[in-house]
C-alpha cells in the first residue's frame, strides 16, 4: 500500500462520483519505495471524457490549468502539493528531436498499455487508489530492490535522446546501476550523436538534477565520462570534493550548483557552452572560484 496525503481523498471521492479512476504513477510511487518524501504527485485519470471535464471537476479545489494540451496534463496546486493530472496516452514518434511526438489520449486505455510508454520500469509502477492495489506490469519493484535501472522498450527509449541523460541522473540520485541492455543502448545513442538533437536548456535541467538531487554526484559524472558524453572535462580527482560539498549543501539550489560547478572547473577551462548560454552563470562561477578551492583543501 502506498501512503499519500489524506487531503487528496476529497478530490478522489469527487472523481469517483463521475466514475473516474485515479491511479498514482511515476516518481511519487517510485519515491515511496525509496522512502523519499515528495510533494510532486502525478495522477493518471481513467474513464475521464476530456481535459475540460477534469478542469471543471477540480475547480473547487483551486486554480487548475491545462499545460501542453497535446501532452495531456492538468496542473493543480493544493496547499504544499503540486499535482499533475493526466489522461492515459500513447506516444508516437513522428519527427526527430525530444519533442517530435504525436500524443494520443484514450479514456478507455488500460494501465498496462499506458504505462508501457514510460522510460524506465521504476517509473512505470502505479497505485490504484480505489482498489488499494499496486500495478507493476514491468517489474519495477524488483528493479528497485535490485538497484537496477532498466528501460521498458528499447525502440521507444531510443526515440527520445533525453532519456540517456535521465538514465544518468537517475543512477546518480538513487545509486542505481544500468542494466547491460540499457548501458549499451545509451552508448550506441551517444556514438550516433543523437544527443545533439537536444536543446541546451533540456540538457541543463538534467545536469542540475544530477548535481542537486544526488548525495554523490560523482556517480553520475563518472557515468557521463564512461558513456563518452563530453559535457564536462571531468577531473576525477575533484569528484570527492564535489561529493563532500553535496553532503553539506545549503537550501539555496542556485548557490549549491554554482559552487559544485566551480569545484569541477577550478583550474580548468570554464566551458559551459554545451549546457547553457548564460553569461551570468559563468560570471558567478568565476566570482567564487576561491571558495571552491576551500573544499579541495
C-alpha atoms as a PDB file:
ATOM      1  CA  UNK A   1       0.000   0.000   0.000  1.00  0.00           C
ATOM      2  CA  UNK A   2       1.241   3.486  -0.896  1.00  0.00           C
ATOM      3  CA  UNK A   3       0.820   6.272   1.655  1.00  0.00           C
ATOM      4  CA  UNK A   4      -0.374   9.558   0.176  1.00  0.00           C
ATOM      5  CA  UNK A   5      -1.601  12.841   1.758  1.00  0.00           C
ATOM      6  CA  UNK A   6      -5.102  12.392   3.215  1.00  0.00           C
ATOM      7  CA  UNK A   7      -6.158  15.776   1.854  1.00  0.00           C
ATOM      8  CA  UNK A   8      -6.326  14.185  -1.603  1.00  0.00           C
ATOM      9  CA  UNK A   9      -9.214  11.928  -0.593  1.00  0.00           C
ATOM     10  CA  UNK A  10     -11.785  14.677  -1.096  1.00  0.00           C
ATOM     11  CA  UNK A  11     -10.619  15.001  -4.712  1.00  0.00           C
ATOM     12  CA  UNK A  12     -10.636  11.252  -5.234  1.00  0.00           C
ATOM     13  CA  UNK A  13     -14.156  10.989  -3.788  1.00  0.00           C
ATOM     14  CA  UNK A  14     -15.418  13.576  -6.252  1.00  0.00           C
ATOM     15  CA  UNK A  15     -13.706  11.820  -9.167  1.00  0.00           C
ATOM     16  CA  UNK A  16     -15.420   8.614  -8.086  1.00  0.00           C
ATOM     17  CA  UNK A  17     -18.825  10.277  -8.451  1.00  0.00           C
ATOM     18  CA  UNK A  18     -18.008  10.740 -12.131  1.00  0.00           C
ATOM     19  CA  UNK A  19     -16.764   7.124 -12.397  1.00  0.00           C
ATOM     20  CA  UNK A  20     -13.220   8.350 -12.990  1.00  0.00           C
ATOM     21  CA  UNK A  21     -10.488   6.088 -11.630  1.00  0.00           C
ATOM     22  CA  UNK A  22      -7.352   7.843 -10.289  1.00  0.00           C
ATOM     23  CA  UNK A  23      -4.054   5.966 -10.330  1.00  0.00           C
ATOM     24  CA  UNK A  24      -0.887   7.344  -8.722  1.00  0.00           C
ATOM     25  CA  UNK A  25       2.018   6.980 -11.140  1.00  0.00           C
ATOM     26  CA  UNK A  26       5.628   7.878 -11.762  1.00  0.00           C
ATOM     27  CA  UNK A  27       8.045   9.495  -9.357  1.00  0.00           C
ATOM     28  CA  UNK A  28       5.752   9.670  -6.330  1.00  0.00           C
ATOM     29  CA  UNK A  29       5.222   5.898  -6.319  1.00  0.00           C
ATOM     30  CA  UNK A  30       8.909   5.225  -7.029  1.00  0.00           C
ATOM     31  CA  UNK A  31       9.995   7.558  -4.230  1.00  0.00           C
ATOM     32  CA  UNK A  32       7.608   5.889  -1.782  1.00  0.00           C
ATOM     33  CA  UNK A  33       9.528   2.638  -2.224  1.00  0.00           C
ATOM     34  CA  UNK A  34      12.785   4.548  -1.682  1.00  0.00           C
ATOM     35  CA  UNK A  35      11.438   6.245   1.482  1.00  0.00           C
ATOM     36  CA  UNK A  36      11.752   9.660  -0.147  1.00  0.00           C
ATOM     37  CA  UNK A  37       9.130  12.269   0.686  1.00  0.00           C
ATOM     38  CA  UNK A  38       7.695  14.004  -2.365  1.00  0.00           C
ATOM     39  CA  UNK A  39       5.293  16.898  -2.800  1.00  0.00           C
ATOM     40  CA  UNK A  40       5.014  16.319  -6.563  1.00  0.00           C
ATOM     41  CA  UNK A  41       2.270  13.824  -7.324  1.00  0.00           C
ATOM     42  CA  UNK A  42       1.291  12.516 -10.761  1.00  0.00           C
ATOM     43  CA  UNK A  43      -2.230  11.114 -11.059  1.00  0.00           C
ATOM     44  CA  UNK A  44      -3.476   9.370 -14.182  1.00  0.00           C
ATOM     45  CA  UNK A  45      -7.251   9.530 -14.668  1.00  0.00           C
ATOM     46  CA  UNK A  46      -9.046   6.660 -16.367  1.00  0.00           C
ATOM     47  CA  UNK A  47     -12.543   6.986 -17.908  1.00  0.00           C
ATOM     48  CA  UNK A  48     -12.429  10.810 -17.968  1.00  0.00           C
ATOM     49  CA  UNK A  49     -14.111  12.300 -21.042  1.00  0.00           C
ATOM     50  CA  UNK A  50     -11.671  15.140 -21.735  1.00  0.00           C
ATOM     51  CA  UNK A  51      -9.458  17.821 -20.185  1.00  0.00           C
ATOM     52  CA  UNK A  52     -12.313  20.272 -19.829  1.00  0.00           C
ATOM     53  CA  UNK A  53     -14.221  17.795 -17.652  1.00  0.00           C
ATOM     54  CA  UNK A  54     -11.183  17.419 -15.382  1.00  0.00           C
ATOM     55  CA  UNK A  55     -10.764  21.188 -15.028  1.00  0.00           C
ATOM     56  CA  UNK A  56     -14.465  21.534 -14.176  1.00  0.00           C
ATOM     57  CA  UNK A  57     -14.232  18.820 -11.507  1.00  0.00           C
ATOM     58  CA  UNK A  58     -11.100  20.289  -9.952  1.00  0.00           C
ATOM     59  CA  UNK A  59     -12.108  23.964  -9.926  1.00  0.00           C
ATOM     60  CA  UNK A  60     -13.454  23.893  -6.353  1.00  0.00           C
ATOM     61  CA  UNK A  61     -10.015  22.828  -5.087  1.00  0.00           C
ATOM     62  CA  UNK A  62      -8.063  25.718  -6.605  1.00  0.00           C
ATOM     63  CA  UNK A  63      -6.941  27.140  -9.920  1.00  0.00           C
ATOM     64  CA  UNK A  64      -6.221  24.329 -12.334  1.00  0.00           C
ATOM     65  CA  UNK A  65      -4.991  24.751 -15.866  1.00  0.00           C
ATOM     66  CA  UNK A  66      -4.133  22.636 -18.870  1.00  0.00           C
ATOM     67  CA  UNK A  67      -0.457  22.829 -19.800  1.00  0.00           C
ATOM     68  CA  UNK A  68       0.708  21.474 -23.087  1.00  0.00           C
ATOM     69  CA  UNK A  69      -2.683  20.089 -24.036  1.00  0.00           C
ATOM     70  CA  UNK A  70      -1.027  17.827 -26.582  1.00  0.00           C
ATOM     71  CA  UNK A  71       0.737  16.089 -23.688  1.00  0.00           C
ATOM     72  CA  UNK A  72      -2.382  15.906 -21.570  1.00  0.00           C
ATOM     73  CA  UNK A  73      -1.575  17.467 -18.192  1.00  0.00           C
ATOM     74  CA  UNK A  74      -3.817  19.471 -15.866  1.00  0.00           C
ATOM     75  CA  UNK A  75      -1.870  21.125 -13.050  1.00  0.00           C
ATOM     76  CA  UNK A  76      -3.287  21.961  -9.631  1.00  0.00           C
ATOM     77  CA  UNK A  77      -1.568  23.339  -6.534  1.00  0.00           C
ATOM     78  CA  UNK A  78      -3.173  22.162  -3.314  1.00  0.00           C
ATOM     79  CA  UNK A  79      -1.517  23.760  -0.281  1.00  0.00           C
ATOM     80  CA  UNK A  80       2.054  22.436  -0.436  1.00  0.00           C
ATOM     81  CA  UNK A  81       1.335  19.799  -3.082  1.00  0.00           C
ATOM     82  CA  UNK A  82       1.989  20.110  -6.809  1.00  0.00           C
ATOM     83  CA  UNK A  83      -0.482  17.827  -8.568  1.00  0.00           C
ATOM     84  CA  UNK A  84      -0.348  16.774 -12.210  1.00  0.00           C
ATOM     85  CA  UNK A  85      -3.498  15.091 -13.535  1.00  0.00           C
ATOM     86  CA  UNK A  86      -3.179  13.391 -16.903  1.00  0.00           C
ATOM     87  CA  UNK A  87      -5.149  11.178 -19.239  1.00  0.00           C
ATOM     88  CA  UNK A  88      -3.728   7.803 -20.294  1.00  0.00           C
ATOM     89  CA  UNK A  89      -1.959   8.167 -23.607  1.00  0.00           C
ATOM     90  CA  UNK A  90       0.119   6.600 -26.339  1.00  0.00           C
ATOM     91  CA  UNK A  91       3.160   8.387 -27.802  1.00  0.00           C
ATOM     92  CA  UNK A  92       4.107   8.023 -31.466  1.00  0.00           C
ATOM     93  CA  UNK A  93       7.429   9.296 -32.832  1.00  0.00           C
ATOM     94  CA  UNK A  94       6.730  11.448 -35.893  1.00  0.00           C
ATOM     95  CA  UNK A  95       9.854  13.622 -36.235  1.00  0.00           C
ATOM     96  CA  UNK A  96      13.359  13.994 -34.847  1.00  0.00           C
ATOM     97  CA  UNK A  97      14.199  15.610 -31.545  1.00  0.00           C
ATOM     98  CA  UNK A  98      12.919  15.451 -27.993  1.00  0.00           C
ATOM     99  CA  UNK A  99       9.552  16.987 -28.889  1.00  0.00           C
ATOM    100  CA  UNK A 100       8.901  15.047 -32.076  1.00  0.00           C
ATOM    101  CA  UNK A 101       5.998  13.019 -30.703  1.00  0.00           C
ATOM    102  CA  UNK A 102       2.342  12.727 -31.555  1.00  0.00           C
ATOM    103  CA  UNK A 103       0.303  12.118 -28.412  1.00  0.00           C
ATOM    104  CA  UNK A 104      -2.954  10.186 -28.491  1.00  0.00           C
ATOM    105  CA  UNK A 105      -5.078  10.239 -25.316  1.00  0.00           C
ATOM    106  CA  UNK A 106      -7.641   7.462 -24.861  1.00  0.00           C
ATOM    107  CA  UNK A 107     -10.104   7.312 -21.968  1.00  0.00           C
ATOM    108  CA  UNK A 108     -10.527   3.533 -22.196  1.00  0.00           C
ATOM    109  CA  UNK A 109      -6.818   2.701 -22.382  1.00  0.00           C
ATOM    110  CA  UNK A 110      -5.741   0.116 -19.807  1.00  0.00           C
ATOM    111  CA  UNK A 111      -2.922   0.895 -17.369  1.00  0.00           C
ATOM    112  CA  UNK A 112      -0.619  -1.844 -18.664  1.00  0.00           C
ATOM    113  CA  UNK A 113      -0.655  -0.324 -22.148  1.00  0.00           C
ATOM    114  CA  UNK A 114      -0.456   3.264 -20.915  1.00  0.00           C
ATOM    115  CA  UNK A 115       2.471   2.543 -18.590  1.00  0.00           C
ATOM    116  CA  UNK A 116       4.486   0.951 -21.388  1.00  0.00           C
ATOM    117  CA  UNK A 117       5.152   4.416 -22.874  1.00  0.00           C
ATOM    118  CA  UNK A 118       7.250   5.382 -19.843  1.00  0.00           C
ATOM    119  CA  UNK A 119      11.037   5.395 -19.897  1.00  0.00           C
ATOM    120  CA  UNK A 120      12.106   3.098 -17.059  1.00  0.00           C
ATOM    121  CA  UNK A 121      10.457   0.254 -15.192  1.00  0.00           C
ATOM    122  CA  UNK A 122      10.892   2.081 -11.862  1.00  0.00           C
ATOM    123  CA  UNK A 123       8.785   4.964 -13.220  1.00  0.00           C
ATOM    124  CA  UNK A 124       6.012   2.713 -14.517  1.00  0.00           C
ATOM    125  CA  UNK A 125       4.641   1.471 -11.183  1.00  0.00           C
ATOM    126  CA  UNK A 126       1.069   2.521 -10.461  1.00  0.00           C
ATOM    127  CA  UNK A 127      -1.157   2.541  -7.399  1.00  0.00           C
ATOM    128  CA  UNK A 128      -4.912   2.134  -7.813  1.00  0.00           C
ATOM    129  CA  UNK A 129      -6.490   4.453  -5.223  1.00  0.00           C
ATOM    130  CA  UNK A 130      -9.890   2.758  -5.023  1.00  0.00           C
ATOM    131  CA  UNK A 131      -8.727  -0.839  -5.120  1.00  0.00           C
ATOM    132  CA  UNK A 132      -5.659  -0.065  -2.968  1.00  0.00           C
ATOM    133  CA  UNK A 133      -3.573  -2.183  -5.287  1.00  0.00           C
ATOM    134  CA  UNK A 134      -0.104  -1.839  -6.783  1.00  0.00           C
ATOM    135  CA  UNK A 135       0.110  -2.115 -10.581  1.00  0.00           C
ATOM    136  CA  UNK A 136       3.543  -3.309 -11.653  1.00  0.00           C
ATOM    137  CA  UNK A 137       3.440  -4.842 -15.115  1.00  0.00           C
ATOM    138  CA  UNK A 138       7.122  -4.177 -15.862  1.00  0.00           C
ATOM    139  CA  UNK A 139       8.779  -5.463 -12.655  1.00  0.00           C
ATOM    140  CA  UNK A 140       9.747  -2.000 -11.471  1.00  0.00           C
ATOM    141  CA  UNK A 141       9.563  -3.007  -7.795  1.00  0.00           C
ATOM    142  CA  UNK A 142      12.006  -5.861  -8.399  1.00  0.00           C
ATOM    143  CA  UNK A 143      14.363  -3.478 -10.197  1.00  0.00           C
ATOM    144  CA  UNK A 144      14.214  -1.038  -7.264  1.00  0.00           C
ATOM    145  CA  UNK A 145      15.054  -3.868  -4.866  1.00  0.00           C
ATOM    146  CA  UNK A 146      17.967  -4.924  -7.079  1.00  0.00           C
ATOM    147  CA  UNK A 147      19.034  -1.268  -7.609  1.00  0.00           C
ATOM    148  CA  UNK A 148      18.828  -1.725 -11.374  1.00  0.00           C
ATOM    149  CA  UNK A 149      17.776   0.852 -13.961  1.00  0.00           C
ATOM    150  CA  UNK A 150      16.144  -0.780 -16.961  1.00  0.00           C
ATOM    151  CA  UNK A 151      14.166   0.582 -19.889  1.00  0.00           C
ATOM    152  CA  UNK A 152      10.749  -0.790 -20.769  1.00  0.00           C
ATOM    153  CA  UNK A 153      11.114  -0.907 -24.546  1.00  0.00           C
ATOM    154  CA  UNK A 154      14.369  -0.390 -26.419  1.00  0.00           C
ATOM    155  CA  UNK A 155      12.638   1.009 -29.509  1.00  0.00           C
ATOM    156  CA  UNK A 156      10.738   3.733 -27.668  1.00  0.00           C
ATOM    157  CA  UNK A 157      13.734   4.506 -25.445  1.00  0.00           C
ATOM    158  CA  UNK A 158      15.883   5.231 -28.489  1.00  0.00           C
ATOM    159  CA  UNK A 159      13.247   7.595 -29.870  1.00  0.00           C
ATOM    160  CA  UNK A 160      13.991  10.174 -27.154  1.00  0.00           C
ATOM    161  CA  UNK A 161      17.697  11.071 -26.657  1.00  0.00           C
ATOM    162  CA  UNK A 162      16.890  12.979 -23.459  1.00  0.00           C
ATOM    163  CA  UNK A 163      16.331   9.612 -21.808  1.00  0.00           C
ATOM    164  CA  UNK A 164      20.092   8.968 -21.903  1.00  0.00           C
ATOM    165  CA  UNK A 165      20.679  11.914 -19.576  1.00  0.00           C
ATOM    166  CA  UNK A 166      17.680  10.918 -17.463  1.00  0.00           C
ATOM    167  CA  UNK A 167      19.267   7.479 -17.084  1.00  0.00           C
ATOM    168  CA  UNK A 168      22.497   9.045 -15.872  1.00  0.00           C
ATOM    169  CA  UNK A 169      20.861  11.332 -13.333  1.00  0.00           C
ATOM    170  CA  UNK A 170      18.592   8.559 -12.008  1.00  0.00           C
ATOM    171  CA  UNK A 171      21.626   6.310 -11.452  1.00  0.00           C
ATOM    172  CA  UNK A 172      23.319   9.180  -9.654  1.00  0.00           C
ATOM    173  CA  UNK A 173      20.330  10.204  -7.500  1.00  0.00           C
ATOM    174  CA  UNK A 174      19.277   6.711  -6.437  1.00  0.00           C
ATOM    175  CA  UNK A 175      22.630   4.899  -6.595  1.00  0.00           C
ATOM    176  CA  UNK A 176      21.458   2.511  -9.304  1.00  0.00           C
ATOM    177  CA  UNK A 177      23.386   0.589 -11.929  1.00  0.00           C
ATOM    178  CA  UNK A 178      22.316   0.389 -15.552  1.00  0.00           C
ATOM    179  CA  UNK A 179      21.224  -2.948 -16.927  1.00  0.00           C
ATOM    180  CA  UNK A 180      23.552  -4.242 -19.624  1.00  0.00           C
ATOM    181  CA  UNK A 181      20.991  -3.558 -22.362  1.00  0.00           C
ATOM    182  CA  UNK A 182      20.399  -0.012 -21.115  1.00  0.00           C
ATOM    183  CA  UNK A 183      24.130   0.767 -20.908  1.00  0.00           C
ATOM    184  CA  UNK A 184      24.927  -0.405 -24.431  1.00  0.00           C
ATOM    185  CA  UNK A 185      21.825   1.289 -25.840  1.00  0.00           C
ATOM    186  CA  UNK A 186      22.886   4.596 -24.243  1.00  0.00           C
ATOM    187  CA  UNK A 187      26.426   4.104 -25.525  1.00  0.00           C
ATOM    188  CA  UNK A 188      25.124   3.484 -29.040  1.00  0.00           C
ATOM    189  CA  UNK A 189      22.908   6.586 -28.943  1.00  0.00           C
ATOM    190  CA  UNK A 190      25.874   8.725 -27.846  1.00  0.00           C
ATOM    191  CA  UNK A 191      28.111   7.320 -30.581  1.00  0.00           C
ATOM    192  CA  UNK A 192      25.429   8.146 -33.152  1.00  0.00           C
ATOM    193  CA  UNK A 193      25.392  11.766 -31.895  1.00  0.00           C
ATOM    194  CA  UNK A 194      21.711  11.554 -31.045  1.00  0.00           C
ATOM    195  CA  UNK A 195      22.183  13.851 -28.042  1.00  0.00           C
ATOM    196  CA  UNK A 196      22.979  16.652 -30.496  1.00  0.00           C
ATOM    197  CA  UNK A 197      19.219  16.868 -31.133  1.00  0.00           C
ATOM    198  CA  UNK A 198      18.642  18.154 -27.601  1.00  0.00           C
ATOM    199  CA  UNK A 199      18.279  21.861 -26.820  1.00  0.00           C
ATOM    200  CA  UNK A 200      20.727  23.194 -24.241  1.00  0.00           C
ATOM    201  CA  UNK A 201      18.034  24.025 -21.733  1.00  0.00           C
ATOM    202  CA  UNK A 202      16.902  20.375 -21.549  1.00  0.00           C
ATOM    203  CA  UNK A 203      20.488  19.198 -21.061  1.00  0.00           C
ATOM    204  CA  UNK A 204      20.953  21.833 -18.366  1.00  0.00           C
ATOM    205  CA  UNK A 205      17.835  20.716 -16.480  1.00  0.00           C
ATOM    206  CA  UNK A 206      19.035  17.106 -16.310  1.00  0.00           C
ATOM    207  CA  UNK A 207      22.531  18.174 -15.226  1.00  0.00           C
ATOM    208  CA  UNK A 208      21.032  20.349 -12.474  1.00  0.00           C
ATOM    209  CA  UNK A 209      19.111  17.340 -11.135  1.00  0.00           C
ATOM    210  CA  UNK A 210      22.303  15.277 -11.184  1.00  0.00           C
ATOM    211  CA  UNK A 211      24.142  17.828  -9.036  1.00  0.00           C
ATOM    212  CA  UNK A 212      21.338  18.989  -6.761  1.00  0.00           C
ATOM    213  CA  UNK A 213      19.422  15.763  -6.098  1.00  0.00           C
ATOM    214  CA  UNK A 214      22.335  13.351  -5.728  1.00  0.00           C
ATOM    215  CA  UNK A 215      24.080  12.608  -2.454  1.00  0.00           C
ATOM    216  CA  UNK A 216      27.066  11.528  -4.559  1.00  0.00           C
ATOM    217  CA  UNK A 217      27.109  13.464  -7.866  1.00  0.00           C
ATOM    218  CA  UNK A 218      30.350  11.666  -8.707  1.00  0.00           C
ATOM    219  CA  UNK A 219      28.309   8.580  -9.673  1.00  0.00           C
ATOM    220  CA  UNK A 220      26.624  10.493 -12.480  1.00  0.00           C
ATOM    221  CA  UNK A 221      29.747  12.394 -13.525  1.00  0.00           C
ATOM    222  CA  UNK A 222      31.742   9.173 -13.846  1.00  0.00           C
ATOM    223  CA  UNK A 223      28.912   7.649 -15.855  1.00  0.00           C
ATOM    224  CA  UNK A 224      28.899  10.640 -18.213  1.00  0.00           C
ATOM    225  CA  UNK A 225      32.591  10.066 -18.807  1.00  0.00           C
ATOM    226  CA  UNK A 226      32.163   6.302 -19.257  1.00  0.00           C
ATOM    227  CA  UNK A 227      29.440   6.876 -21.856  1.00  0.00           C
ATOM    228  CA  UNK A 228      31.622   9.451 -23.672  1.00  0.00           C
ATOM    229  CA  UNK A 229      29.128  12.240 -23.024  1.00  0.00           C
ATOM    230  CA  UNK A 230      31.609  15.082 -23.142  1.00  0.00           C
ATOM    231  CA  UNK A 231      29.621  17.810 -21.431  1.00  0.00           C
ATOM    232  CA  UNK A 232      32.423  18.416 -18.925  1.00  0.00           C
ATOM    233  CA  UNK A 233      36.155  17.880 -18.822  1.00  0.00           C
ATOM    234  CA  UNK A 234      35.961  15.654 -15.786  1.00  0.00           C
ATOM    235  CA  UNK A 235      38.982  15.512 -13.496  1.00  0.00           C
ATOM    236  CA  UNK A 236      38.205  12.534 -11.277  1.00  0.00           C
ATOM    237  CA  UNK A 237      40.499  13.854  -8.549  1.00  0.00           C
ATOM    238  CA  UNK A 238      37.915  16.597  -7.916  1.00  0.00           C
ATOM    239  CA  UNK A 239      34.890  14.362  -7.617  1.00  0.00           C
ATOM    240  CA  UNK A 240      35.398  13.550  -3.940  1.00  0.00           C
ATOM    241  CA  UNK A 241      35.310  17.276  -3.179  1.00  0.00           C
ATOM    242  CA  UNK A 242      32.024  17.656  -5.048  1.00  0.00           C
ATOM    243  CA  UNK A 243      30.593  14.724  -3.096  1.00  0.00           C
ATOM    244  CA  UNK A 244      31.868  16.299   0.112  1.00  0.00           C
ATOM    245  CA  UNK A 245      30.101  19.563  -0.655  1.00  0.00           C
ATOM    246  CA  UNK A 246      26.914  17.706  -1.644  1.00  0.00           C
ATOM    247  CA  UNK A 247      26.792  16.372   1.923  1.00  0.00           C
ATOM    248  CA  UNK A 248      26.664  19.904   3.354  1.00  0.00           C
ATOM    249  CA  UNK A 249      24.850  21.869   0.667  1.00  0.00           C
ATOM    250  CA  UNK A 250      22.512  24.686   1.663  1.00  0.00           C
ATOM    251  CA  UNK A 251      18.839  25.230   0.872  1.00  0.00           C
ATOM    252  CA  UNK A 252      19.811  27.631  -1.919  1.00  0.00           C
ATOM    253  CA  UNK A 253      19.958  25.469  -5.046  1.00  0.00           C
ATOM    254  CA  UNK A 254      21.456  28.207  -7.213  1.00  0.00           C
ATOM    255  CA  UNK A 255      24.374  28.674  -4.821  1.00  0.00           C
ATOM    256  CA  UNK A 256      24.845  24.913  -4.472  1.00  0.00           C
ATOM    257  CA  UNK A 257      25.033  24.461  -8.234  1.00  0.00           C
ATOM    258  CA  UNK A 258      27.444  27.368  -8.661  1.00  0.00           C
ATOM    259  CA  UNK A 259      29.821  26.012  -6.026  1.00  0.00           C
ATOM    260  CA  UNK A 260      29.809  22.452  -7.392  1.00  0.00           C
ATOM    261  CA  UNK A 261      30.444  23.684 -10.927  1.00  0.00           C
ATOM    262  CA  UNK A 262      33.215  25.917  -9.588  1.00  0.00           C
ATOM    263  CA  UNK A 263      34.855  22.910  -7.897  1.00  0.00           C
ATOM    264  CA  UNK A 264      34.572  20.947 -11.134  1.00  0.00           C
ATOM    265  CA  UNK A 265      36.005  23.750 -13.249  1.00  0.00           C
ATOM    266  CA  UNK A 266      38.629  25.068 -10.821  1.00  0.00           C
ATOM    267  CA  UNK A 267      41.980  25.398 -12.644  1.00  0.00           C
ATOM    268  CA  UNK A 268      40.431  24.207 -15.933  1.00  0.00           C
ATOM    269  CA  UNK A 269      38.811  25.918 -18.902  1.00  0.00           C
ATOM    270  CA  UNK A 270      35.362  27.186 -17.951  1.00  0.00           C
ATOM    271  CA  UNK A 271      33.423  25.826 -20.923  1.00  0.00           C
ATOM    272  CA  UNK A 272      29.680  25.807 -20.279  1.00  0.00           C
ATOM    273  CA  UNK A 273      28.606  26.281 -23.877  1.00  0.00           C
ATOM    274  CA  UNK A 274      27.302  22.726 -24.172  1.00  0.00           C
ATOM    275  CA  UNK A 275      24.694  23.216 -21.440  1.00  0.00           C
ATOM    276  CA  UNK A 276      23.857  26.921 -21.302  1.00  0.00           C
ATOM    277  CA  UNK A 277      24.399  30.314 -22.916  1.00  0.00           C
ATOM    278  CA  UNK A 278      24.005  32.060 -19.560  1.00  0.00           C
ATOM    279  CA  UNK A 279      26.745  34.648 -19.107  1.00  0.00           C
ATOM    280  CA  UNK A 280      25.596  35.323 -15.550  1.00  0.00           C
ATOM    281  CA  UNK A 281      26.134  31.669 -14.589  1.00  0.00           C
ATOM    282  CA  UNK A 282      29.674  31.760 -15.913  1.00  0.00           C
ATOM    283  CA  UNK A 283      30.328  35.056 -14.143  1.00  0.00           C
ATOM    284  CA  UNK A 284      29.026  33.707 -10.828  1.00  0.00           C
ATOM    285  CA  UNK A 285      31.253  30.649 -11.091  1.00  0.00           C
ATOM    286  CA  UNK A 286      34.315  32.819 -11.734  1.00  0.00           C
ATOM    287  CA  UNK A 287      33.427  35.016  -8.778  1.00  0.00           C
ATOM    288  CA  UNK A 288      33.603  32.141  -6.268  1.00  0.00           C
ATOM    289  CA  UNK A 289      36.477  30.037  -7.605  1.00  0.00           C
ATOM    290  CA  UNK A 290      38.387  30.984  -4.446  1.00  0.00           C
ATOM    291  CA  UNK A 291      35.575  29.487  -2.378  1.00  0.00           C
ATOM    292  CA  UNK A 292      35.644  26.281  -4.387  1.00  0.00           C
ATOM    293  CA  UNK A 293      39.331  25.811  -3.555  1.00  0.00           C
ATOM    294  CA  UNK A 294      38.437  25.641   0.145  1.00  0.00           C
ATOM    295  CA  UNK A 295      36.594  22.367  -0.431  1.00  0.00           C
ATOM    296  CA  UNK A 296      39.728  20.923  -2.012  1.00  0.00           C
ATOM    297  CA  UNK A 297      41.958  21.620   0.991  1.00  0.00           C
END
